[in-house]
Amino acid sequence: MRQKLLIVDDEPGIVDMMVSYFSSQYEVLAAYGGNDALQKLARQPDLILLDINMPDMDGLALCRKIRELITCPILFLTARVESADKIIGFQAGADDYIMKPFDLDELGARVAAHLRREQRRRDKAAIRLFGELAIDYSARTLTVAGKPIALSKREFDIVELLSLHAGQVFDRERIYEAIWGLDSEGSSGTVMEHIRKIRAKLAAVTLHSYIDTVWGCGYRWNA
């Protein structure tokens, strides 16, 4: 599966240039403003290229909102060069600054470096323990007190999404879009059925409820 980049910039020419450059190597998502970008976060990008100066939502404010939802690297694209601005950006959650105008090959190298660093971080956390429950994300297996729990592909995908963002609330629509994709035929109602099956399998071997329902909002992983 190709890694996903989300490019957020209100200048179509710049977006088109970067989409053309990166599309051969990555799955590229494009957003032309803050609200558009927030909607595309459900696709779980692996890295975000974010312009600071946008009309509908300042890039710094958008960065703070993104950081409430996902933890992937965020690289600011900006003409600002003052140290004070950089400090504010890093405090907002940015991982790097790319100054405009930029060289595409240098930008590509920076993107690749951040993705490699993020992959190393994920590899170190290939197995996570939640009490008596262990998830091996590489082998795609789940055990409770050493007993393997058989999950379907979609069921494991849901467990993976929720457990990697423990405590974060996902509504049914976001889960459906992240697991099934925006273009899939179906409805978010299938998420409820999959979560019911996951809970039933876990309830057979443990009293702990690992998937909480947040009424009116969605679901979250209870570590």
C-alpha atoms as a PDB file:
ATOM      1  CA  MET A   1       0.000   0.000   0.000  1.00  0.00           C
ATOM      2  CA  ARG A   2       1.410   3.382  -1.026  1.00  0.00           C
ATOM      3  CA  GLN A   3       1.915   6.036   1.601  1.00  0.00           C
ATOM      4  CA  LYS A   4      -0.491   8.979   1.487  1.00  0.00           C
ATOM      5  CA  LEU A   5       0.452  12.654   1.301  1.00  0.00           C
ATOM      6  CA  LEU A   6      -2.034  15.444   1.967  1.00  0.00           C
ATOM      7  CA  ILE A   7      -1.142  18.736   0.266  1.00  0.00           C
ATOM      8  CA  VAL A   8      -2.935  21.795   1.641  1.00  0.00           C
ATOM      9  CA  ASP A   9      -2.507  25.085  -0.237  1.00  0.00           C
ATOM     10  CA  ASP A  10      -4.944  27.647  -1.629  1.00  0.00           C
ATOM     11  CA  GLU A  11      -2.846  28.187  -4.773  1.00  0.00           C
ATOM     12  CA  PRO A  12      -3.991  25.628  -7.400  1.00  0.00           C
ATOM     13  CA  GLY A  13      -0.797  26.043  -9.416  1.00  0.00           C
ATOM     14  CA  ILE A  14       1.398  25.022  -6.480  1.00  0.00           C
ATOM     15  CA  VAL A  15      -0.909  22.137  -5.583  1.00  0.00           C
ATOM     16  CA  ASP A  16      -0.960  20.861  -9.172  1.00  0.00           C
ATOM     17  CA  MET A  17       2.836  21.056  -9.362  1.00  0.00           C
ATOM     18  CA  MET A  18       3.300  19.019  -6.187  1.00  0.00           C
ATOM     19  CA  VAL A  19       0.584  16.508  -7.076  1.00  0.00           C
ATOM     20  CA  SER A  20       2.308  15.921 -10.424  1.00  0.00           C
ATOM     21  CA  TYR A  21       5.693  15.522  -8.775  1.00  0.00           C
ATOM     22  CA  PHE A  22       4.643  13.165  -5.971  1.00  0.00           C
ATOM     23  CA  SER A  23       1.942  11.070  -7.671  1.00  0.00           C
ATOM     24  CA  SER A  24       4.380   8.564  -9.139  1.00  0.00           C
ATOM     25  CA  GLN A  25       5.594   7.589  -5.669  1.00  0.00           C
ATOM     26  CA  TYR A  26       2.724   8.298  -3.271  1.00  0.00           C
ATOM     27  CA  GLU A  27      -1.046   8.447  -3.095  1.00  0.00           C
ATOM     28  CA  VAL A  28      -1.629  12.197  -3.101  1.00  0.00           C
ATOM     29  CA  LEU A  29      -4.630  13.989  -1.612  1.00  0.00           C
ATOM     30  CA  ALA A  30      -5.175  17.689  -2.353  1.00  0.00           C
ATOM     31  CA  ALA A  31      -7.016  20.284  -0.282  1.00  0.00           C
ATOM     32  CA  TYR A  32      -7.371  23.969  -1.139  1.00  0.00           C
ATOM     33  CA  GLY A  33      -8.232  25.287   2.312  1.00  0.00           C
ATOM     34  CA  GLY A  34      -8.504  24.425   5.973  1.00  0.00           C
ATOM     35  CA  ASN A  35     -12.042  23.068   5.988  1.00  0.00           C
ATOM     36  CA  ASP A  36     -11.319  20.921   2.943  1.00  0.00           C
ATOM     37  CA  ALA A  37      -8.191  19.579   4.661  1.00  0.00           C
ATOM     38  CA  LEU A  38     -10.067  18.633   7.844  1.00  0.00           C
ATOM     39  CA  GLN A  39     -12.514  16.567   5.823  1.00  0.00           C
ATOM     40  CA  LYS A  40      -9.673  14.670   4.147  1.00  0.00           C
ATOM     41  CA  LEU A  41      -8.052  13.712   7.462  1.00  0.00           C
ATOM     42  CA  ALA A  42     -10.403  10.719   7.539  1.00  0.00           C
ATOM     43  CA  ARG A  43      -8.153   9.229   4.837  1.00  0.00           C
ATOM     44  CA  GLN A  44      -5.361   9.042   7.446  1.00  0.00           C
ATOM     45  CA  PRO A  45      -2.492  10.707   5.532  1.00  0.00           C
ATOM     46  CA  ASP A  46       1.049   9.635   6.403  1.00  0.00           C
ATOM     47  CA  LEU A  47       2.420  13.174   5.958  1.00  0.00           C
ATOM     48  CA  ILE A  48       0.924  16.638   5.440  1.00  0.00           C
ATOM     49  CA  LEU A  49       2.390  19.529   3.448  1.00  0.00           C
ATOM     50  CA  LEU A  50       0.660  22.602   4.818  1.00  0.00           C
ATOM     51  CA  ASP A  51       0.696  26.200   3.606  1.00  0.00           C
ATOM     52  CA  ILE A  52       0.563  28.773   6.389  1.00  0.00           C
ATOM     53  CA  ASN A  53      -1.206  31.637   4.586  1.00  0.00           C
ATOM     54  CA  MET A  54      -4.699  30.553   3.563  1.00  0.00           C
ATOM     55  CA  PRO A  55      -7.849  32.677   3.445  1.00  0.00           C
ATOM     56  CA  ASP A  56     -10.409  30.451   5.168  1.00  0.00           C
ATOM     57  CA  MET A  57      -8.214  29.193   8.019  1.00  0.00           C
ATOM     58  CA  ASP A  58      -4.722  30.176   9.086  1.00  0.00           C
ATOM     59  CA  GLY A  59      -2.264  27.318   8.697  1.00  0.00           C
ATOM     60  CA  LEU A  60      -1.188  27.572  12.332  1.00  0.00           C
ATOM     61  CA  ALA A  61      -4.774  27.216  13.544  1.00  0.00           C
ATOM     62  CA  LEU A  62      -5.300  24.323  11.147  1.00  0.00           C
ATOM     63  CA  CYS A  63      -2.133  22.636  12.396  1.00  0.00           C
ATOM     64  CA  ARG A  64      -3.434  22.785  15.966  1.00  0.00           C
ATOM     65  CA  LYS A  65      -6.738  21.218  14.885  1.00  0.00           C
ATOM     66  CA  ILE A  66      -4.930  18.477  12.967  1.00  0.00           C
ATOM     67  CA  ARG A  67      -2.807  17.675  16.005  1.00  0.00           C
ATOM     68  CA  GLU A  68      -6.005  16.977  17.966  1.00  0.00           C
ATOM     69  CA  LEU A  69      -6.831  14.253  15.449  1.00  0.00           C
ATOM     70  CA  ILE A  70      -3.691  12.625  14.032  1.00  0.00           C
ATOM     71  CA  THR A  71       0.033  12.468  14.752  1.00  0.00           C
ATOM     72  CA  CYS A  72       1.621  12.218  11.274  1.00  0.00           C
ATOM     73  CA  PRO A  73       4.470  14.593  10.291  1.00  0.00           C
ATOM     74  CA  ILE A  74       3.400  18.102   9.243  1.00  0.00           C
ATOM     75  CA  LEU A  75       5.712  20.176   7.041  1.00  0.00           C
ATOM     76  CA  PHE A  76       4.907  23.870   6.713  1.00  0.00           C
ATOM     77  CA  LEU A  77       5.259  25.533   3.322  1.00  0.00           C
ATOM     78  CA  THR A  78       5.861  29.222   3.891  1.00  0.00           C
ATOM     79  CA  ALA A  79       7.677  32.363   2.807  1.00  0.00           C
ATOM     80  CA  ARG A  80       8.122  33.412   6.428  1.00  0.00           C
ATOM     81  CA  VAL A  81      11.682  33.181   7.651  1.00  0.00           C
ATOM     82  CA  GLU A  82      11.671  34.838  11.078  1.00  0.00           C
ATOM     83  CA  SER A  83      12.787  32.620  13.938  1.00  0.00           C
ATOM     84  CA  ALA A  84       9.806  33.718  16.029  1.00  0.00           C
ATOM     85  CA  ASP A  85       7.427  32.432  13.353  1.00  0.00           C
ATOM     86  CA  LYS A  86       9.234  29.096  13.258  1.00  0.00           C
ATOM     87  CA  ILE A  87       8.978  28.737  17.022  1.00  0.00           C
ATOM     88  CA  ILE A  88       5.238  29.427  16.890  1.00  0.00           C
ATOM     89  CA  GLY A  89       4.865  26.835  14.146  1.00  0.00           C
ATOM     90  CA  PHE A  90       6.769  24.175  16.055  1.00  0.00           C
ATOM     91  CA  GLN A  91       4.690  24.924  19.141  1.00  0.00           C
ATOM     92  CA  ALA A  92       1.551  24.450  17.031  1.00  0.00           C
ATOM     93  CA  GLY A  93       2.721  20.958  16.098  1.00  0.00           C
ATOM     94  CA  ALA A  94       4.797  21.349  12.931  1.00  0.00           C
ATOM     95  CA  ASP A  95       7.730  19.012  12.314  1.00  0.00           C
ATOM     96  CA  ASP A  96       9.611  21.013   9.675  1.00  0.00           C
ATOM     97  CA  TYR A  97       9.623  24.184   7.557  1.00  0.00           C
ATOM     98  CA  ILE A  98      10.011  24.357   3.778  1.00  0.00           C
ATOM     99  CA  MET A  99      10.668  27.864   2.513  1.00  0.00           C
ATOM    100  CA  LYS A 100       8.961  29.141  -0.645  1.00  0.00           C
ATOM    101  CA  PRO A 101      10.103  29.138  -3.364  1.00  0.00           C
ATOM    102  CA  PHE A 102      11.408  25.606  -2.891  1.00  0.00           C
ATOM    103  CA  ASP A 103      13.256  23.073  -5.016  1.00  0.00           C
ATOM    104  CA  LEU A 104      11.010  20.080  -5.705  1.00  0.00           C
ATOM    105  CA  ASP A 105      13.820  17.562  -5.388  1.00  0.00           C
ATOM    106  CA  GLU A 106      14.814  18.989  -2.007  1.00  0.00           C
ATOM    107  CA  LEU A 107      11.173  18.925  -0.921  1.00  0.00           C
ATOM    108  CA  GLY A 108      10.931  15.307  -2.077  1.00  0.00           C
ATOM    109  CA  ALA A 109      14.026  14.400  -0.085  1.00  0.00           C
ATOM    110  CA  ARG A 110      12.628  16.077   3.038  1.00  0.00           C
ATOM    111  CA  VAL A 111       9.325  14.250   2.640  1.00  0.00           C
ATOM    112  CA  ALA A 112      11.078  10.900   2.197  1.00  0.00           C
ATOM    113  CA  ALA A 113      13.277  11.534   5.249  1.00  0.00           C
ATOM    114  CA  HIS A 114      10.297  12.325   7.482  1.00  0.00           C
ATOM    115  CA  LEU A 115       8.397   9.269   6.235  1.00  0.00           C
ATOM    116  CA  ARG A 116      11.402   7.034   6.948  1.00  0.00           C
ATOM    117  CA  ARG A 117      11.693   8.473  10.456  1.00  0.00           C
ATOM    118  CA  GLU A 118       7.988   7.941  11.039  1.00  0.00           C
ATOM    119  CA  GLN A 119       8.219   4.359   9.765  1.00  0.00           C
ATOM    120  CA  ARG A 120      11.079   3.626  12.166  1.00  0.00           C
ATOM    121  CA  ARG A 121       8.974   4.993  15.000  1.00  0.00           C
ATOM    122  CA  ARG A 122       6.062   2.778  13.998  1.00  0.00           C
ATOM    123  CA  ASP A 123       8.289  -0.263  13.638  1.00  0.00           C
ATOM    124  CA  LYS A 124       9.450   0.152  17.213  1.00  0.00           C
ATOM    125  CA  ALA A 125       5.794   0.022  18.232  1.00  0.00           C
ATOM    126  CA  ALA A 126       4.949  -2.950  16.009  1.00  0.00           C
ATOM    127  CA  ILE A 127       3.533  -4.730  19.066  1.00  0.00           C
ATOM    128  CA  ARG A 128       1.463  -2.881  21.622  1.00  0.00           C
ATOM    129  CA  LEU A 129       0.160  -4.184  24.928  1.00  0.00           C
ATOM    130  CA  PHE A 130      -3.100  -3.064  26.472  1.00  0.00           C
ATOM    131  CA  GLY A 131      -3.238  -4.946  29.727  1.00  0.00           C
ATOM    132  CA  GLU A 132      -3.733  -8.619  28.845  1.00  0.00           C
ATOM    133  CA  LEU A 133      -4.438  -7.748  25.196  1.00  0.00           C
ATOM    134  CA  ALA A 134      -1.551  -7.707  22.708  1.00  0.00           C
ATOM    135  CA  ILE A 135      -1.729  -6.409  19.132  1.00  0.00           C
ATOM    136  CA  ASP A 136       0.967  -7.279  16.607  1.00  0.00           C
ATOM    137  CA  TYR A 137       0.427  -4.757  13.812  1.00  0.00           C
ATOM    138  CA  SER A 138       3.004  -6.343  11.514  1.00  0.00           C
ATOM    139  CA  ALA A 139       1.597  -9.862  11.789  1.00  0.00           C
ATOM    140  CA  ARG A 140      -1.956  -8.466  12.090  1.00  0.00           C
ATOM    141  CA  THR A 141      -2.772 -10.652  15.080  1.00  0.00           C
ATOM    142  CA  LEU A 142      -4.529 -10.007  18.379  1.00  0.00           C
ATOM    143  CA  THR A 143      -4.252 -12.084  21.523  1.00  0.00           C
ATOM    144  CA  VAL A 144      -5.817 -11.842  24.981  1.00  0.00           C
ATOM    145  CA  ALA A 145      -3.832 -13.509  27.778  1.00  0.00           C
ATOM    146  CA  GLY A 146      -1.994 -15.421  25.060  1.00  0.00           C
ATOM    147  CA  LYS A 147      -5.196 -16.682  23.436  1.00  0.00           C
ATOM    148  CA  PRO A 148      -5.451 -15.693  19.735  1.00  0.00           C
ATOM    149  CA  ILE A 149      -8.611 -13.889  18.643  1.00  0.00           C
ATOM    150  CA  ALA A 150      -9.598 -14.487  15.022  1.00  0.00           C
ATOM    151  CA  LEU A 151     -10.527 -11.225  13.341  1.00  0.00           C
ATOM    152  CA  SER A 152     -11.537 -10.572   9.760  1.00  0.00           C
ATOM    153  CA  LYS A 153      -9.484  -8.100   7.731  1.00  0.00           C
ATOM    154  CA  ARG A 154     -11.990  -5.290   8.287  1.00  0.00           C
ATOM    155  CA  GLU A 155     -12.307  -6.092  11.976  1.00  0.00           C
ATOM    156  CA  PHE A 156      -8.546  -5.923  12.444  1.00  0.00           C
ATOM    157  CA  ASP A 157      -8.409  -2.697  10.410  1.00  0.00           C
ATOM    158  CA  ILE A 158     -10.903  -1.127  12.835  1.00  0.00           C
ATOM    159  CA  VAL A 159      -8.966  -2.362  15.875  1.00  0.00           C
ATOM    160  CA  GLU A 160      -5.744  -1.039  14.339  1.00  0.00           C
ATOM    161  CA  LEU A 161      -7.242   2.400  13.633  1.00  0.00           C
ATOM    162  CA  LEU A 162      -8.756   2.819  17.085  1.00  0.00           C
ATOM    163  CA  SER A 163      -5.873   1.330  19.102  1.00  0.00           C
ATOM    164  CA  LEU A 164      -3.196   3.393  17.335  1.00  0.00           C
ATOM    165  CA  HIS A 165      -5.163   6.492  18.384  1.00  0.00           C
ATOM    166  CA  ALA A 166      -6.199   5.367  21.869  1.00  0.00           C
ATOM    167  CA  GLY A 167      -8.556   7.829  23.547  1.00  0.00           C
ATOM    168  CA  GLN A 168      -9.415   9.604  20.290  1.00  0.00           C
ATOM    169  CA  VAL A 169     -13.072   9.527  19.268  1.00  0.00           C
ATOM    170  CA  PHE A 170     -13.934   8.413  15.727  1.00  0.00           C
ATOM    171  CA  ASP A 171     -17.458   8.741  14.393  1.00  0.00           C
ATOM    172  CA  ARG A 172     -18.866   5.996  12.162  1.00  0.00           C
ATOM    173  CA  GLU A 173     -18.378   8.046   9.004  1.00  0.00           C
ATOM    174  CA  ARG A 174     -14.676   8.619   9.671  1.00  0.00           C
ATOM    175  CA  ILE A 175     -14.121   4.941  10.433  1.00  0.00           C
ATOM    176  CA  TYR A 176     -15.963   3.890   7.285  1.00  0.00           C
ATOM    177  CA  GLU A 177     -14.027   6.317   5.085  1.00  0.00           C
ATOM    178  CA  ALA A 178     -10.690   5.306   6.615  1.00  0.00           C
ATOM    179  CA  ILE A 179     -11.290   1.547   6.298  1.00  0.00           C
ATOM    180  CA  TRP A 180     -13.521   1.169   3.262  1.00  0.00           C
ATOM    181  CA  GLY A 181     -12.578   4.357   1.385  1.00  0.00           C
ATOM    182  CA  LEU A 182     -14.584   7.277   0.084  1.00  0.00           C
ATOM    183  CA  ASP A 183     -15.526   5.529  -3.147  1.00  0.00           C
ATOM    184  CA  SER A 184     -16.882   2.339  -1.596  1.00  0.00           C
ATOM    185  CA  GLU A 185     -20.516   1.472  -1.993  1.00  0.00           C
ATOM    186  CA  GLY A 186     -22.218   1.014   1.345  1.00  0.00           C
ATOM    187  CA  SER A 187     -22.935   2.972   4.488  1.00  0.00           C
ATOM    188  CA  SER A 188     -21.366   3.722   7.832  1.00  0.00           C
ATOM    189  CA  GLY A 189     -23.963   1.421   9.397  1.00  0.00           C
ATOM    190  CA  THR A 190     -21.703  -1.515   8.573  1.00  0.00           C
ATOM    191  CA  VAL A 191     -19.203  -0.107  11.084  1.00  0.00           C
ATOM    192  CA  MET A 192     -21.671  -0.800  13.909  1.00  0.00           C
ATOM    193  CA  GLU A 193     -21.999  -4.443  12.837  1.00  0.00           C
ATOM    194  CA  HIS A 194     -18.234  -4.933  12.639  1.00  0.00           C
ATOM    195  CA  ILE A 195     -17.706  -3.355  16.060  1.00  0.00           C
ATOM    196  CA  ARG A 196     -20.485  -5.564  17.489  1.00  0.00           C
ATOM    197  CA  LYS A 197     -18.629  -8.637  16.208  1.00  0.00           C
ATOM    198  CA  ILE A 198     -15.285  -7.410  17.582  1.00  0.00           C
ATOM    199  CA  ARG A 199     -16.848  -6.805  20.996  1.00  0.00           C
ATOM    200  CA  ALA A 200     -18.460 -10.239  21.011  1.00  0.00           C
ATOM    201  CA  LYS A 201     -15.143 -11.943  20.261  1.00  0.00           C
ATOM    202  CA  LEU A 202     -13.372  -9.982  22.993  1.00  0.00           C
ATOM    203  CA  ALA A 203     -16.180 -10.486  25.511  1.00  0.00           C
ATOM    204  CA  ALA A 204     -15.737 -14.240  25.145  1.00  0.00           C
ATOM    205  CA  VAL A 205     -12.251 -14.031  26.674  1.00  0.00           C
ATOM    206  CA  THR A 206     -12.094 -10.818  28.748  1.00  0.00           C
ATOM    207  CA  LEU A 207     -14.329  -8.639  30.892  1.00  0.00           C
ATOM    208  CA  HIS A 208     -12.539  -5.469  29.804  1.00  0.00           C
ATOM    209  CA  SER A 209     -14.349  -3.336  27.224  1.00  0.00           C
ATOM    210  CA  TYR A 210     -11.676  -2.164  24.795  1.00  0.00           C
ATOM    211  CA  ILE A 211     -14.008  -0.251  22.482  1.00  0.00           C
ATOM    212  CA  ASP A 212     -16.138   2.389  24.178  1.00  0.00           C
ATOM    213  CA  THR A 213     -19.191   4.033  22.670  1.00  0.00           C
ATOM    214  CA  VAL A 214     -19.208   7.799  23.115  1.00  0.00           C
ATOM    215  CA  TRP A 215     -22.901   8.485  22.720  1.00  0.00           C
ATOM    216  CA  GLY A 216     -23.699  10.942  19.972  1.00  0.00           C
ATOM    217  CA  CYS A 217     -20.049  11.039  18.873  1.00  0.00           C
ATOM    218  CA  GLY A 218     -18.674   7.628  17.939  1.00  0.00           C
ATOM    219  CA  TYR A 219     -16.163   5.106  19.282  1.00  0.00           C
ATOM    220  CA  ARG A 220     -12.806   5.191  21.042  1.00  0.00           C
ATOM    221  CA  TRP A 221     -10.215   2.689  22.196  1.00  0.00           C
ATOM    222  CA  ASN A 222     -10.199   2.203  25.960  1.00  0.00           C
ATOM    223  CA  ALA A 223      -6.662   1.241  26.879  1.00  0.00           C
END
